[in-house]
Amino acid sequence: MIKQVLTTSLIALGIGYLCQLAQTAGQSQYLNDFLKGNLITLLIALLAINSATMGIVLTKIRELIDKKGVGSESFSATKAEMLLSIKEQVGLIALSVILLTLNDSVFVLSTSELKSGMSVAICSIFAYSLLNLYDTAKSVIIIIDYD
């Protein structure tokens, strides 16, 4: 689990860094401004979508358990991953509140490197949340194709 979280974190940080490079190259602040005003709302919406998607997966798992006669312990790792996904998303919401609050502090605004780092971190949070949603969407496809 820890390896998966670290891998996803590094991928998200890479995406956040690339987004900031693209903004710098394009001399734009659109993404930063958009995320500053909408990140928490987006994260809560993605959490709701992810929860609904997990409901579909859990319903299908329940059908498989009833149909195949396998015990629910067969899916204990799946349930643990789903719980981790929810914890990650709640943690991302909390972290985004902290980073967005600090982003406007005098200390951060007075240091350009720190300001850039905060922008990368904020973009990375959004990327991490999208990667989390992508993993959940993959589980729907896998479980629906399962016979």
N, C-alpha and C. Protein backbone atom coordinates (compact mmCIF):
# COMPACT_ATOMS: atom_id res chain seq x y z
N MET A 1 0.81 -1.20 0.00
CA MET A 1 0.00 0.00 0.00
C MET A 1 0.86 1.27 0.00
N ILE A 2 1.88 1.28 0.84
CA ILE A 2 2.73 2.46 0.94
C ILE A 2 3.46 2.69 -0.38
N LYS A 3 3.90 1.60 -1.00
CA LYS A 3 4.58 1.73 -2.28
C LYS A 3 3.66 2.35 -3.32
N GLN A 4 2.40 1.93 -3.33
CA GLN A 4 1.42 2.47 -4.27
C GLN A 4 1.18 3.95 -4.03
N VAL A 5 1.05 4.34 -2.77
CA VAL A 5 0.83 5.76 -2.44
C VAL A 5 2.04 6.59 -2.85
N LEU A 6 3.24 6.09 -2.59
CA LEU A 6 4.45 6.82 -2.98
C LEU A 6 4.57 6.93 -4.50
N THR A 7 4.27 5.86 -5.21
CA THR A 7 4.33 5.89 -6.67
C THR A 7 3.34 6.91 -7.22
N THR A 8 2.12 6.86 -6.73
CA THR A 8 1.10 7.82 -7.18
C THR A 8 1.50 9.24 -6.83
N SER A 9 2.09 9.42 -5.64
CA SER A 9 2.53 10.76 -5.23
C SER A 9 3.61 11.30 -6.16
N LEU A 10 4.56 10.46 -6.50
CA LEU A 10 5.63 10.90 -7.40
C LEU A 10 5.11 11.21 -8.80
N ILE A 11 4.19 10.40 -9.29
CA ILE A 11 3.58 10.68 -10.60
C ILE A 11 2.82 12.00 -10.54
N ALA A 12 2.06 12.21 -9.48
CA ALA A 12 1.29 13.45 -9.33
C ALA A 12 2.22 14.66 -9.23
N LEU A 13 3.33 14.52 -8.49
CA LEU A 13 4.29 15.62 -8.41
C LEU A 13 4.90 15.92 -9.78
N GLY A 14 5.17 14.88 -10.55
CA GLY A 14 5.69 15.08 -11.91
C GLY A 14 4.69 15.82 -12.78
N ILE A 15 3.43 15.44 -12.67
CA ILE A 15 2.39 16.11 -13.44
C ILE A 15 2.26 17.56 -13.00
N GLY A 16 2.30 17.79 -11.69
CA GLY A 16 2.22 19.16 -11.17
C GLY A 16 3.38 20.02 -11.65
N TYR A 17 4.57 19.44 -11.66
CA TYR A 17 5.75 20.16 -12.14
C TYR A 17 5.62 20.48 -13.63
N LEU A 18 5.17 19.51 -14.42
CA LEU A 18 4.99 19.74 -15.86
C LEU A 18 3.92 20.80 -16.12
N CYS A 19 2.88 20.80 -15.31
CA CYS A 19 1.85 21.85 -15.46
C CYS A 19 2.43 23.23 -15.20
N GLN A 20 3.28 23.33 -14.18
CA GLN A 20 3.89 24.62 -13.89
C GLN A 20 4.89 25.04 -14.96
N LEU A 21 5.62 24.08 -15.52
CA LEU A 21 6.51 24.40 -16.63
C LEU A 21 5.72 24.90 -17.84
N ALA A 22 4.61 24.25 -18.12
CA ALA A 22 3.77 24.66 -19.25
C ALA A 22 3.20 26.05 -19.03
N GLN A 23 2.79 26.33 -17.80
CA GLN A 23 2.26 27.67 -17.51
C GLN A 23 3.34 28.73 -17.64
N THR A 24 4.53 28.41 -17.17
CA THR A 24 5.65 29.35 -17.27
C THR A 24 5.99 29.60 -18.74
N ALA A 25 6.05 28.52 -19.51
CA ALA A 25 6.36 28.66 -20.94
C ALA A 25 5.28 29.46 -21.67
N GLY A 26 4.05 29.25 -21.26
CA GLY A 26 2.95 29.98 -21.89
C GLY A 26 2.65 31.32 -21.26
N GLN A 27 3.42 31.67 -20.25
CA GLN A 27 3.24 32.92 -19.51
C GLN A 27 1.79 33.09 -19.06
N SER A 28 1.27 32.04 -18.44
CA SER A 28 -0.11 32.02 -17.99
C SER A 28 -0.18 31.63 -16.52
N GLN A 29 -1.18 32.10 -15.85
CA GLN A 29 -1.47 31.72 -14.47
C GLN A 29 -2.87 31.12 -14.36
N TYR A 30 -3.46 30.75 -15.49
CA TYR A 30 -4.84 30.29 -15.50
C TYR A 30 -5.07 29.09 -14.58
N LEU A 31 -4.26 28.06 -14.71
CA LEU A 31 -4.45 26.85 -13.91
C LEU A 31 -4.31 27.15 -12.42
N ASN A 32 -3.30 27.92 -12.07
CA ASN A 32 -3.12 28.29 -10.65
C ASN A 32 -4.34 29.05 -10.12
N ASP A 33 -4.80 30.02 -10.90
CA ASP A 33 -5.96 30.80 -10.47
C ASP A 33 -7.22 29.93 -10.39
N PHE A 34 -7.39 29.04 -11.37
CA PHE A 34 -8.56 28.16 -11.37
C PHE A 34 -8.54 27.23 -10.16
N LEU A 35 -7.40 26.61 -9.90
CA LEU A 35 -7.32 25.69 -8.76
C LEU A 35 -7.44 26.42 -7.43
N LYS A 36 -6.92 27.64 -7.38
CA LYS A 36 -7.02 28.43 -6.15
C LYS A 36 -8.49 28.65 -5.79
N GLY A 37 -9.32 28.88 -6.78
CA GLY A 37 -10.72 29.16 -6.52
C GLY A 37 -11.62 27.93 -6.48
N ASN A 38 -11.17 26.81 -7.05
CA ASN A 38 -12.08 25.68 -7.22
C ASN A 38 -11.57 24.33 -6.73
N LEU A 39 -10.34 24.25 -6.23
CA LEU A 39 -9.76 22.96 -5.92
C LEU A 39 -10.57 22.17 -4.89
N ILE A 40 -10.95 22.79 -3.82
CA ILE A 40 -11.66 22.06 -2.77
C ILE A 40 -13.00 21.56 -3.29
N THR A 41 -13.71 22.37 -4.05
CA THR A 41 -14.97 21.94 -4.64
C THR A 41 -14.76 20.78 -5.59
N LEU A 42 -13.72 20.85 -6.41
CA LEU A 42 -13.41 19.76 -7.33
C LEU A 42 -13.08 18.47 -6.58
N LEU A 43 -12.29 18.58 -5.53
CA LEU A 43 -11.92 17.39 -4.76
C LEU A 43 -13.13 16.75 -4.10
N ILE A 44 -14.03 17.56 -3.59
CA ILE A 44 -15.24 17.01 -2.97
C ILE A 44 -16.12 16.34 -4.04
N ALA A 45 -16.21 16.95 -5.21
CA ALA A 45 -16.98 16.35 -6.31
C ALA A 45 -16.34 15.02 -6.76
N LEU A 46 -15.02 14.99 -6.86
CA LEU A 46 -14.34 13.75 -7.24
C LEU A 46 -14.50 12.68 -6.17
N LEU A 47 -14.53 13.08 -4.90
CA LEU A 47 -14.80 12.13 -3.82
C LEU A 47 -16.19 11.54 -3.96
N ALA A 48 -17.17 12.37 -4.29
CA ALA A 48 -18.55 11.88 -4.47
C ALA A 48 -18.63 10.92 -5.66
N ILE A 49 -17.98 11.28 -6.75
CA ILE A 49 -17.97 10.41 -7.93
C ILE A 49 -17.30 9.08 -7.60
N ASN A 50 -16.17 9.16 -6.91
CA ASN A 50 -15.43 7.96 -6.54
C ASN A 50 -16.27 7.07 -5.62
N SER A 51 -16.96 7.66 -4.67
CA SER A 51 -17.80 6.89 -3.75
C SER A 51 -18.94 6.20 -4.49
N ALA A 52 -19.57 6.91 -5.41
CA ALA A 52 -20.65 6.30 -6.19
C ALA A 52 -20.13 5.16 -7.06
N THR A 53 -18.97 5.35 -7.64
CA THR A 53 -18.36 4.31 -8.46
C THR A 53 -18.02 3.09 -7.61
N MET A 54 -17.51 3.33 -6.41
CA MET A 54 -17.21 2.22 -5.52
C MET A 54 -18.48 1.47 -5.12
N GLY A 55 -19.58 2.19 -5.01
CA GLY A 55 -20.85 1.55 -4.71
C GLY A 55 -21.23 0.56 -5.80
N ILE A 56 -20.99 0.93 -7.05
CA ILE A 56 -21.26 0.03 -8.17
C ILE A 56 -20.37 -1.21 -8.07
N VAL A 57 -19.10 -1.00 -7.80
CA VAL A 57 -18.16 -2.11 -7.70
C VAL A 57 -18.55 -3.04 -6.55
N LEU A 58 -18.90 -2.46 -5.41
CA LEU A 58 -19.27 -3.28 -4.26
C LEU A 58 -20.56 -4.07 -4.52
N THR A 59 -21.49 -3.48 -5.25
CA THR A 59 -22.71 -4.19 -5.61
C THR A 59 -22.39 -5.39 -6.48
N LYS A 60 -21.51 -5.20 -7.44
CA LYS A 60 -21.10 -6.30 -8.32
C LYS A 60 -20.34 -7.36 -7.53
N ILE A 61 -19.51 -6.95 -6.61
CA ILE A 61 -18.79 -7.91 -5.77
C ILE A 61 -19.78 -8.72 -4.95
N ARG A 62 -20.78 -8.07 -4.40
CA ARG A 62 -21.80 -8.78 -3.62
C ARG A 62 -22.52 -9.81 -4.50
N GLU A 63 -22.82 -9.43 -5.74
CA GLU A 63 -23.44 -10.38 -6.67
C GLU A 63 -22.52 -11.57 -6.93
N LEU A 64 -21.23 -11.31 -7.10
CA LEU A 64 -20.28 -12.40 -7.33
C LEU A 64 -20.19 -13.32 -6.12
N ILE A 65 -20.18 -12.74 -4.94
CA ILE A 65 -20.12 -13.54 -3.72
C ILE A 65 -21.35 -14.44 -3.63
N ASP A 66 -22.53 -13.87 -3.89
CA ASP A 66 -23.77 -14.64 -3.82
C ASP A 66 -23.84 -15.69 -4.92
N LYS A 67 -23.41 -15.33 -6.12
CA LYS A 67 -23.51 -16.22 -7.29
C LYS A 67 -22.49 -17.35 -7.24
N LYS A 68 -21.26 -17.03 -6.92
CA LYS A 68 -20.16 -18.00 -6.95
C LYS A 68 -20.00 -18.74 -5.62
N GLY A 69 -20.59 -18.22 -4.58
CA GLY A 69 -20.48 -18.86 -3.28
C GLY A 69 -19.13 -18.67 -2.61
N VAL A 70 -18.36 -17.71 -3.06
CA VAL A 70 -17.08 -17.45 -2.41
C VAL A 70 -17.31 -16.59 -1.18
N GLY A 71 -16.42 -16.69 -0.24
CA GLY A 71 -16.54 -15.90 0.97
C GLY A 71 -16.16 -14.45 0.75
N SER A 72 -16.69 -13.58 1.57
CA SER A 72 -16.38 -12.15 1.43
C SER A 72 -14.92 -11.87 1.74
N GLU A 73 -14.24 -12.80 2.44
CA GLU A 73 -12.81 -12.60 2.73
C GLU A 73 -11.97 -12.63 1.46
N SER A 74 -12.52 -13.18 0.38
CA SER A 74 -11.81 -13.20 -0.90
C SER A 74 -11.58 -11.78 -1.43
N PHE A 75 -12.41 -10.86 -0.99
CA PHE A 75 -12.32 -9.49 -1.47
C PHE A 75 -11.83 -8.53 -0.38
N SER A 76 -11.18 -9.05 0.65
CA SER A 76 -10.73 -8.19 1.74
C SER A 76 -9.67 -7.19 1.27
N ALA A 77 -8.79 -7.62 0.36
CA ALA A 77 -7.78 -6.69 -0.17
C ALA A 77 -8.44 -5.59 -1.00
N THR A 78 -9.48 -5.95 -1.73
CA THR A 78 -10.22 -4.96 -2.52
C THR A 78 -10.87 -3.93 -1.62
N LYS A 79 -11.50 -4.40 -0.56
CA LYS A 79 -12.14 -3.49 0.39
C LYS A 79 -11.11 -2.58 1.06
N ALA A 80 -9.95 -3.13 1.37
CA ALA A 80 -8.89 -2.32 1.98
C ALA A 80 -8.40 -1.24 1.03
N GLU A 81 -8.27 -1.56 -0.25
CA GLU A 81 -7.86 -0.57 -1.25
C GLU A 81 -8.92 0.52 -1.41
N MET A 82 -10.18 0.14 -1.36
CA MET A 82 -11.25 1.13 -1.47
C MET A 82 -11.23 2.09 -0.28
N LEU A 83 -11.02 1.52 0.90
CA LEU A 83 -10.95 2.36 2.10
C LEU A 83 -9.74 3.29 2.02
N LEU A 84 -8.61 2.78 1.53
CA LEU A 84 -7.42 3.61 1.35
C LEU A 84 -7.71 4.76 0.38
N SER A 85 -8.44 4.46 -0.68
CA SER A 85 -8.79 5.48 -1.67
C SER A 85 -9.59 6.62 -1.03
N ILE A 86 -10.55 6.27 -0.21
CA ILE A 86 -11.36 7.29 0.48
C ILE A 86 -10.49 8.09 1.44
N LYS A 87 -9.62 7.40 2.18
CA LYS A 87 -8.73 8.10 3.11
C LYS A 87 -7.80 9.05 2.36
N GLU A 88 -7.29 8.60 1.22
CA GLU A 88 -6.42 9.46 0.42
C GLU A 88 -7.16 10.72 -0.01
N GLN A 89 -8.37 10.55 -0.47
CA GLN A 89 -9.12 11.72 -0.95
C GLN A 89 -9.47 12.69 0.17
N VAL A 90 -9.83 12.17 1.33
CA VAL A 90 -10.10 13.05 2.47
C VAL A 90 -8.80 13.77 2.86
N GLY A 91 -7.70 13.03 2.86
CA GLY A 91 -6.40 13.65 3.16
C GLY A 91 -6.03 14.72 2.15
N LEU A 92 -6.34 14.48 0.88
CA LEU A 92 -6.06 15.49 -0.15
C LEU A 92 -6.88 16.76 0.07
N ILE A 93 -8.12 16.58 0.50
CA ILE A 93 -8.96 17.75 0.79
C ILE A 93 -8.36 18.55 1.94
N ALA A 94 -7.96 17.86 3.01
CA ALA A 94 -7.36 18.55 4.16
C ALA A 94 -6.05 19.23 3.77
N LEU A 95 -5.21 18.51 3.01
CA LEU A 95 -3.94 19.09 2.57
C LEU A 95 -4.15 20.30 1.67
N SER A 96 -5.17 20.24 0.82
CA SER A 96 -5.43 21.38 -0.07
C SER A 96 -5.89 22.60 0.72
N VAL A 97 -6.67 22.39 1.77
CA VAL A 97 -7.08 23.52 2.61
C VAL A 97 -5.84 24.17 3.24
N ILE A 98 -4.94 23.35 3.74
CA ILE A 98 -3.71 23.86 4.36
C ILE A 98 -2.85 24.61 3.35
N LEU A 99 -2.61 23.97 2.19
CA LEU A 99 -1.74 24.60 1.18
C LEU A 99 -2.35 25.87 0.60
N LEU A 100 -3.66 25.86 0.36
CA LEU A 100 -4.29 27.06 -0.18
C LEU A 100 -4.28 28.20 0.84
N THR A 101 -4.36 27.86 2.12
CA THR A 101 -4.27 28.88 3.17
C THR A 101 -2.86 29.45 3.23
N LEU A 102 -1.87 28.57 3.20
CA LEU A 102 -0.48 29.03 3.25
C LEU A 102 -0.07 29.76 1.97
N ASN A 103 -0.71 29.41 0.85
CA ASN A 103 -0.34 29.98 -0.44
C ASN A 103 -0.45 31.50 -0.47
N ASP A 104 -1.35 32.06 0.33
CA ASP A 104 -1.54 33.51 0.35
C ASP A 104 -0.82 34.18 1.52
N SER A 105 -0.01 33.42 2.24
CA SER A 105 0.70 34.02 3.37
C SER A 105 1.81 34.94 2.88
N VAL A 106 2.18 35.88 3.69
CA VAL A 106 3.22 36.85 3.35
C VAL A 106 4.55 36.14 3.12
N PHE A 107 4.83 35.12 3.92
CA PHE A 107 6.09 34.39 3.80
C PHE A 107 6.21 33.72 2.44
N VAL A 108 5.15 33.06 1.99
CA VAL A 108 5.17 32.38 0.70
C VAL A 108 5.22 33.39 -0.44
N LEU A 109 4.44 34.43 -0.34
CA LEU A 109 4.39 35.43 -1.41
C LEU A 109 5.72 36.17 -1.57
N SER A 110 6.51 36.24 -0.49
CA SER A 110 7.78 36.97 -0.57
C SER A 110 8.92 36.11 -1.14
N THR A 111 8.70 34.81 -1.31
CA THR A 111 9.74 33.92 -1.83
C THR A 111 9.24 33.26 -3.10
N SER A 112 9.86 33.61 -4.23
CA SER A 112 9.37 33.10 -5.52
C SER A 112 9.52 31.59 -5.64
N GLU A 113 10.59 31.03 -5.08
CA GLU A 113 10.79 29.57 -5.15
C GLU A 113 9.72 28.84 -4.36
N LEU A 114 9.40 29.38 -3.20
CA LEU A 114 8.36 28.77 -2.37
C LEU A 114 6.99 28.90 -3.03
N LYS A 115 6.75 30.04 -3.66
CA LYS A 115 5.49 30.25 -4.38
C LYS A 115 5.36 29.23 -5.52
N SER A 116 6.45 29.00 -6.26
CA SER A 116 6.43 28.01 -7.34
C SER A 116 6.22 26.61 -6.78
N GLY A 117 6.86 26.31 -5.67
CA GLY A 117 6.69 25.00 -5.04
C GLY A 117 5.27 24.77 -4.58
N MET A 118 4.65 25.80 -4.05
CA MET A 118 3.25 25.69 -3.63
C MET A 118 2.34 25.44 -4.83
N SER A 119 2.63 26.11 -5.93
CA SER A 119 1.83 25.92 -7.14
C SER A 119 1.96 24.49 -7.66
N VAL A 120 3.18 23.96 -7.61
CA VAL A 120 3.40 22.56 -8.02
C VAL A 120 2.62 21.63 -7.10
N ALA A 121 2.68 21.88 -5.79
CA ALA A 121 1.99 21.02 -4.82
C ALA A 121 0.48 21.06 -5.03
N ILE A 122 -0.06 22.24 -5.29
CA ILE A 122 -1.50 22.37 -5.48
C ILE A 122 -1.94 21.65 -6.76
N CYS A 123 -1.18 21.80 -7.83
CA CYS A 123 -1.49 21.06 -9.06
C CYS A 123 -1.34 19.56 -8.85
N SER A 124 -0.37 19.18 -8.05
CA SER A 124 -0.13 17.77 -7.77
C SER A 124 -1.29 17.14 -7.00
N ILE A 125 -1.88 17.89 -6.10
CA ILE A 125 -3.04 17.39 -5.36
C ILE A 125 -4.18 17.07 -6.33
N PHE A 126 -4.41 17.98 -7.26
CA PHE A 126 -5.47 17.74 -8.24
C PHE A 126 -5.14 16.54 -9.12
N ALA A 127 -3.89 16.42 -9.54
CA ALA A 127 -3.48 15.28 -10.36
C ALA A 127 -3.62 13.98 -9.59
N TYR A 128 -3.24 13.98 -8.32
CA TYR A 128 -3.36 12.78 -7.49
C TYR A 128 -4.82 12.34 -7.41
N SER A 129 -5.70 13.30 -7.22
CA SER A 129 -7.12 12.98 -7.13
C SER A 129 -7.65 12.39 -8.44
N LEU A 130 -7.18 12.91 -9.56
CA LEU A 130 -7.59 12.36 -10.85
C LEU A 130 -7.04 10.95 -11.05
N LEU A 131 -5.81 10.72 -10.62
CA LEU A 131 -5.23 9.38 -10.70
C LEU A 131 -6.01 8.39 -9.83
N ASN A 132 -6.45 8.85 -8.67
CA ASN A 132 -7.25 8.03 -7.78
C ASN A 132 -8.58 7.67 -8.45
N LEU A 133 -9.21 8.64 -9.08
CA LEU A 133 -10.46 8.38 -9.78
C LEU A 133 -10.25 7.43 -10.95
N TYR A 134 -9.14 7.57 -11.63
CA TYR A 134 -8.81 6.68 -12.75
C TYR A 134 -8.69 5.23 -12.28
N ASP A 135 -8.03 5.02 -11.14
CA ASP A 135 -7.91 3.66 -10.59
C ASP A 135 -9.27 3.07 -10.26
N THR A 136 -10.15 3.88 -9.72
CA THR A 136 -11.50 3.39 -9.40
C THR A 136 -12.26 3.06 -10.67
N ALA A 137 -12.13 3.89 -11.68
CA ALA A 137 -12.80 3.62 -12.96
C ALA A 137 -12.29 2.32 -13.59
N LYS A 138 -11.00 2.06 -13.46
CA LYS A 138 -10.45 0.80 -13.97
C LYS A 138 -11.08 -0.39 -13.26
N SER A 139 -11.34 -0.24 -11.97
CA SER A 139 -11.93 -1.36 -11.22
C SER A 139 -13.33 -1.67 -11.71
N VAL A 140 -14.06 -0.65 -12.14
CA VAL A 140 -15.41 -0.89 -12.68
C VAL A 140 -15.32 -1.72 -13.95
N ILE A 141 -14.40 -1.37 -14.82
CA ILE A 141 -14.24 -2.10 -16.08
C ILE A 141 -13.82 -3.54 -15.81
N ILE A 142 -12.92 -3.74 -14.88
CA ILE A 142 -12.45 -5.08 -14.56
C ILE A 142 -13.58 -5.92 -13.97
N ILE A 143 -14.32 -5.34 -13.04
CA ILE A 143 -15.36 -6.10 -12.36
C ILE A 143 -16.55 -6.39 -13.27
N ILE A 144 -16.85 -5.48 -14.19
CA ILE A 144 -17.96 -5.71 -15.12
C ILE A 144 -17.60 -6.80 -16.12
N ASP A 145 -16.35 -6.86 -16.54
CA ASP A 145 -15.91 -7.89 -17.49
C ASP A 145 -15.69 -9.25 -16.84
N TYR A 146 -15.70 -9.31 -15.51
CA TYR A 146 -15.44 -10.55 -14.81
C TYR A 146 -16.62 -11.51 -14.95
N ASP A 147 -16.34 -12.74 -15.25
CA ASP A 147 -17.40 -13.77 -15.30
C ASP A 147 -17.12 -14.88 -14.35
